[in-house]
Amino acid sequence: MWALCELGRVGNALTAGSGPAAAALLCGLPLTVVLRLFFCGFCAYVGGVALNDLLDRKEDAVRRPERPIPRGAVSPKTAALFAIANLTASPIIALSVSHKVALWFVLVCLLAVGYDVLKPILVMRFLLMGGVRGANWAAGLVAASSTVLLWAPIVVFCWTLFLTFAGLKGWHMVVAAGIVGFCLFDGCVVLWRLGWENSLPFFGLGALAGISGRFFKMA
């Protein structure tokens, strides 16, 4: 179980769940919907990175032998099933919100898979990584049929482009801090619109993501 959590980068996944949850809360959706959207984003991220490690297992055996698949903690078959289960769970959970949101998370998952497959093409690496983060955040707006905060997923998209660039440069501390920054952004927007009481869970997620990064690699 620990190895699967490491494979799925659970710390990072918390930041992915934070985005659509924040958007839904800002749009005034019920807490039950906010929580479901959190798990939609969480599962989409976990499935995407698990698939990424599966596809990169030969390269990782040389460059990152400490990762779960190369070191033998997770078999390729288990990784594949884990990735499929999470990528499937995301739109299924979203279906409990609406068909529209379910289709949106199908798009998010397809963008994640597209990144895993096409990342050797540099421009696609940037566009798909930014696209999946931005679309994931926008899911909360889709659930509420709201256009009030359309600037927010654009900010998330641009921030993701910067972190992708930082990753290519090998700025690992910048990437780790920047990933936590997604939750801080969510918390600040919620603080601005809804006050401290509502923003604290998002700052808490950021702290938890940072702490869990000490146990599960952030990138």
Protein backbone atom coordinates (compact mmCIF):
# COMPACT_ATOMS: atom_id res chain seq x y z
CA MET A 1 0.00 0.00 0.00
CA TRP A 2 2.84 2.38 0.87
CA ALA A 3 4.47 1.73 -2.51
CA LEU A 4 1.18 2.44 -4.31
CA CYS A 5 0.86 5.73 -2.43
CA GLU A 6 4.38 6.56 -3.55
CA LEU A 7 3.56 5.54 -7.12
CA GLY A 8 0.49 7.79 -7.09
CA ARG A 9 2.37 10.78 -5.55
CA VAL A 10 -0.34 11.27 -2.95
CA GLY A 11 1.13 14.58 -1.81
CA ASN A 12 0.84 16.00 -5.31
CA ALA A 13 -2.61 14.46 -5.68
CA LEU A 14 -3.86 16.47 -2.70
CA THR A 15 -3.01 19.64 -4.62
CA ALA A 16 -4.87 18.32 -7.67
CA GLY A 17 -7.99 17.64 -5.61
CA SER A 18 -7.77 21.09 -4.04
CA GLY A 19 -8.38 22.98 -7.29
CA PRO A 20 -11.83 21.76 -8.37
CA ALA A 21 -12.91 21.68 -4.72
CA ALA A 22 -11.95 25.34 -4.28
CA ALA A 23 -13.73 26.31 -7.49
CA ALA A 24 -16.88 24.50 -6.40
CA LEU A 25 -16.81 26.12 -2.96
CA LEU A 26 -16.30 29.56 -4.49
CA CYS A 27 -19.32 28.98 -6.71
CA GLY A 28 -21.49 28.15 -3.71
CA LEU A 29 -21.96 24.45 -4.38
CA PRO A 30 -22.86 22.13 -1.47
CA LEU A 31 -20.06 20.61 0.60
CA THR A 32 -20.97 17.13 -0.67
CA VAL A 33 -20.24 18.27 -4.23
CA VAL A 34 -17.03 20.00 -3.13
CA LEU A 35 -15.78 16.75 -1.58
CA ARG A 36 -16.71 14.66 -4.62
CA LEU A 37 -14.87 17.04 -6.92
CA PHE A 38 -11.85 16.84 -4.63
CA PHE A 39 -11.74 13.07 -5.09
CA CYS A 40 -12.29 13.41 -8.85
CA GLY A 41 -9.18 15.57 -9.16
CA PHE A 42 -7.26 13.38 -6.72
CA CYS A 43 -7.99 10.15 -8.62
CA ALA A 44 -7.28 11.69 -12.03
CA TYR A 45 -3.85 12.78 -10.82
CA VAL A 46 -3.00 9.47 -9.15
CA GLY A 47 -4.00 7.53 -12.26
CA GLY A 48 -2.06 9.83 -14.55
CA VAL A 49 1.22 9.66 -12.65
CA ALA A 50 0.93 5.90 -12.12
CA LEU A 51 0.56 5.47 -15.88
CA ASN A 52 3.46 7.85 -16.41
CA ASP A 53 5.75 5.72 -14.23
CA LEU A 54 4.56 2.56 -15.97
CA LEU A 55 5.45 3.96 -19.39
CA ASP A 56 8.78 5.32 -18.11
CA ARG A 57 9.82 2.17 -16.22
CA LYS A 58 12.76 1.31 -18.51
CA GLU A 59 14.16 4.83 -18.37
CA ASP A 60 13.54 5.01 -14.61
CA ALA A 61 15.46 1.77 -14.12
CA VAL A 62 18.54 3.75 -15.16
CA ARG A 63 17.79 7.30 -14.02
CA ARG A 64 15.44 6.80 -11.03
CA PRO A 65 15.95 3.27 -9.71
CA GLU A 66 14.47 4.30 -6.35
CA ARG A 67 10.96 4.59 -7.83
CA PRO A 68 8.44 1.83 -6.96
CA ILE A 69 8.41 -0.02 -10.29
CA PRO A 70 12.18 -0.14 -10.97
CA ARG A 71 12.99 -1.27 -7.43
CA GLY A 72 10.36 -4.03 -7.61
CA ALA A 73 7.95 -2.67 -4.98
CA VAL A 74 5.13 -2.50 -7.55
CA SER A 75 4.87 -4.80 -10.56
CA PRO A 76 4.06 -3.33 -14.00
CA LYS A 77 0.75 -5.25 -14.00
CA THR A 78 -0.24 -3.84 -10.61
CA ALA A 79 0.76 -0.34 -11.72
CA ALA A 80 -1.37 -0.68 -14.86
CA LEU A 81 -4.41 -1.83 -12.88
CA PHE A 82 -3.86 0.94 -10.32
CA ALA A 83 -3.66 3.58 -13.06
CA ILE A 84 -6.76 2.28 -14.86
CA ALA A 85 -8.73 2.06 -11.61
CA ASN A 86 -8.01 5.67 -10.67
CA LEU A 87 -8.51 7.09 -14.16
CA THR A 88 -11.85 5.28 -14.29
CA ALA A 89 -12.87 6.30 -10.78
CA SER A 90 -12.49 10.01 -11.51
CA PRO A 91 -15.31 10.38 -14.08
CA ILE A 92 -17.42 7.77 -12.28
CA ILE A 93 -17.35 9.86 -9.10
CA ALA A 94 -18.04 12.95 -11.22
CA LEU A 95 -21.12 11.23 -12.63
CA SER A 96 -22.69 11.58 -9.18
CA VAL A 97 -22.49 15.35 -9.69
CA SER A 98 -23.73 15.52 -13.29
CA HIS A 99 -23.21 14.02 -16.73
CA LYS A 100 -21.55 17.26 -17.81
CA VAL A 101 -18.98 17.09 -15.03
CA ALA A 102 -18.35 13.40 -15.75
CA LEU A 103 -17.58 14.24 -19.38
CA TRP A 104 -15.32 17.05 -18.22
CA PHE A 105 -13.31 14.66 -16.09
CA VAL A 106 -13.08 12.27 -19.02
CA LEU A 107 -11.37 15.19 -20.76
CA VAL A 108 -9.08 15.77 -17.76
CA CYS A 109 -8.07 12.10 -17.74
CA LEU A 110 -7.50 12.08 -21.50
CA LEU A 111 -5.24 15.11 -21.14
CA ALA A 112 -3.30 13.28 -18.42
CA VAL A 113 -2.92 10.19 -20.61
CA GLY A 114 -1.99 12.40 -23.55
CA TYR A 115 0.78 13.95 -21.47
CA ASP A 116 2.11 10.52 -20.50
CA VAL A 117 2.26 9.43 -24.13
CA LEU A 118 3.30 12.67 -25.87
CA LYS A 119 5.64 14.28 -23.33
CA PRO A 120 8.76 13.51 -25.47
CA ILE A 121 7.40 16.26 -27.78
CA LEU A 122 8.44 19.36 -25.84
CA VAL A 123 5.56 21.64 -26.84
CA MET A 124 3.03 18.90 -26.01
CA ARG A 125 4.67 18.35 -22.63
CA PHE A 126 4.01 22.00 -21.74
CA LEU A 127 0.55 22.31 -23.26
CA LEU A 128 -0.82 19.03 -21.90
CA MET A 129 0.58 19.43 -18.40
CA GLY A 130 -0.76 22.98 -18.20
CA GLY A 131 -4.01 21.88 -19.81
CA VAL A 132 -4.68 19.06 -17.38
CA ARG A 133 -4.09 21.29 -14.34
CA GLY A 134 -6.14 24.14 -15.75
CA ALA A 135 -9.01 21.91 -16.87
CA ASN A 136 -8.97 20.13 -13.53
CA TRP A 137 -9.41 23.45 -11.67
CA ALA A 138 -12.14 24.52 -14.07
CA ALA A 139 -14.19 21.41 -13.25
CA GLY A 140 -15.68 23.24 -10.28
CA LEU A 141 -16.81 26.04 -12.58
CA VAL A 142 -18.31 23.50 -14.97
CA ALA A 143 -20.22 21.91 -12.09
CA ALA A 144 -21.70 25.30 -11.20
CA SER A 145 -22.12 26.46 -14.82
CA SER A 146 -20.23 29.59 -13.76
CA THR A 147 -17.88 31.88 -15.68
CA VAL A 148 -17.12 34.21 -12.76
CA LEU A 149 -13.63 32.84 -12.04
CA LEU A 150 -12.43 31.96 -15.53
CA TRP A 151 -9.17 33.78 -14.86
CA ALA A 152 -8.22 31.28 -12.13
CA PRO A 153 -7.66 28.19 -14.33
CA ILE A 154 -5.62 30.43 -16.65
CA VAL A 155 -3.37 31.33 -13.70
CA VAL A 156 -3.10 27.62 -12.84
CA PHE A 157 -2.22 26.84 -16.47
CA CYS A 158 0.55 29.46 -16.52
CA TRP A 159 1.94 28.40 -13.15
CA THR A 160 2.06 24.81 -14.39
CA LEU A 161 4.01 25.91 -17.46
CA PHE A 162 6.59 27.51 -15.18
CA LEU A 163 6.86 24.38 -13.02
CA THR A 164 7.23 22.22 -16.12
CA PHE A 165 10.09 24.46 -17.23
CA ALA A 166 11.63 24.28 -13.75
CA GLY A 167 11.41 20.49 -13.87
CA LEU A 168 13.25 20.39 -17.18
CA LYS A 169 15.96 22.60 -15.68
CA GLY A 170 16.33 20.27 -12.71
CA TRP A 171 15.12 22.84 -10.16
CA HIS A 172 13.62 20.19 -7.92
CA MET A 173 13.15 22.38 -4.84
CA VAL A 174 11.32 24.95 -6.95
CA VAL A 175 9.05 22.25 -8.34
CA ALA A 176 8.32 20.80 -4.89
CA ALA A 177 7.49 24.23 -3.46
CA GLY A 178 5.53 25.17 -6.57
CA ILE A 179 3.33 22.10 -6.33
CA VAL A 180 2.38 23.07 -2.78
CA GLY A 181 1.74 26.53 -4.24
CA PHE A 182 -1.37 25.22 -5.99
CA CYS A 183 -3.07 24.78 -2.61
CA LEU A 184 -1.80 28.15 -1.44
CA PHE A 185 -3.32 29.76 -4.52
CA ASP A 186 -6.62 28.01 -3.84
CA GLY A 187 -6.52 29.11 -0.22
CA CYS A 188 -5.78 32.73 -1.12
CA VAL A 189 -8.63 32.92 -3.63
CA VAL A 190 -11.04 31.39 -1.12
CA LEU A 191 -9.73 33.76 1.58
CA TRP A 192 -10.33 36.72 -0.71
CA ARG A 193 -13.87 35.69 -1.60
CA LEU A 194 -15.13 33.76 1.44
CA GLY A 195 -12.89 34.58 4.42
CA TRP A 196 -10.50 32.74 6.72
CA GLU A 197 -12.84 30.05 7.93
CA ASN A 198 -13.36 28.65 4.45
CA SER A 199 -9.75 29.07 3.34
CA LEU A 200 -8.09 27.13 6.17
CA PRO A 201 -8.78 23.65 4.72
CA PHE A 202 -6.90 24.59 1.54
CA PHE A 203 -3.92 25.97 3.43
CA GLY A 204 -4.06 22.78 5.48
CA LEU A 205 -3.97 20.68 2.31
CA GLY A 206 -0.90 22.63 1.21
CA ALA A 207 0.83 21.91 4.52
CA LEU A 208 -0.14 18.24 4.32
CA ALA A 209 1.12 18.02 0.74
CA GLY A 210 4.43 19.54 1.79
CA ILE A 211 4.80 17.19 4.76
CA SER A 212 3.86 14.12 2.73
CA GLY A 213 6.49 15.14 0.19
CA ARG A 214 9.08 14.09 2.76
CA PHE A 215 7.78 10.52 2.49
CA PHE A 216 6.45 10.38 -1.08
CA LYS A 217 8.51 12.05 -3.81
CA MET A 218 6.90 15.24 -5.13
CA ALA A 219 8.10 14.80 -8.73
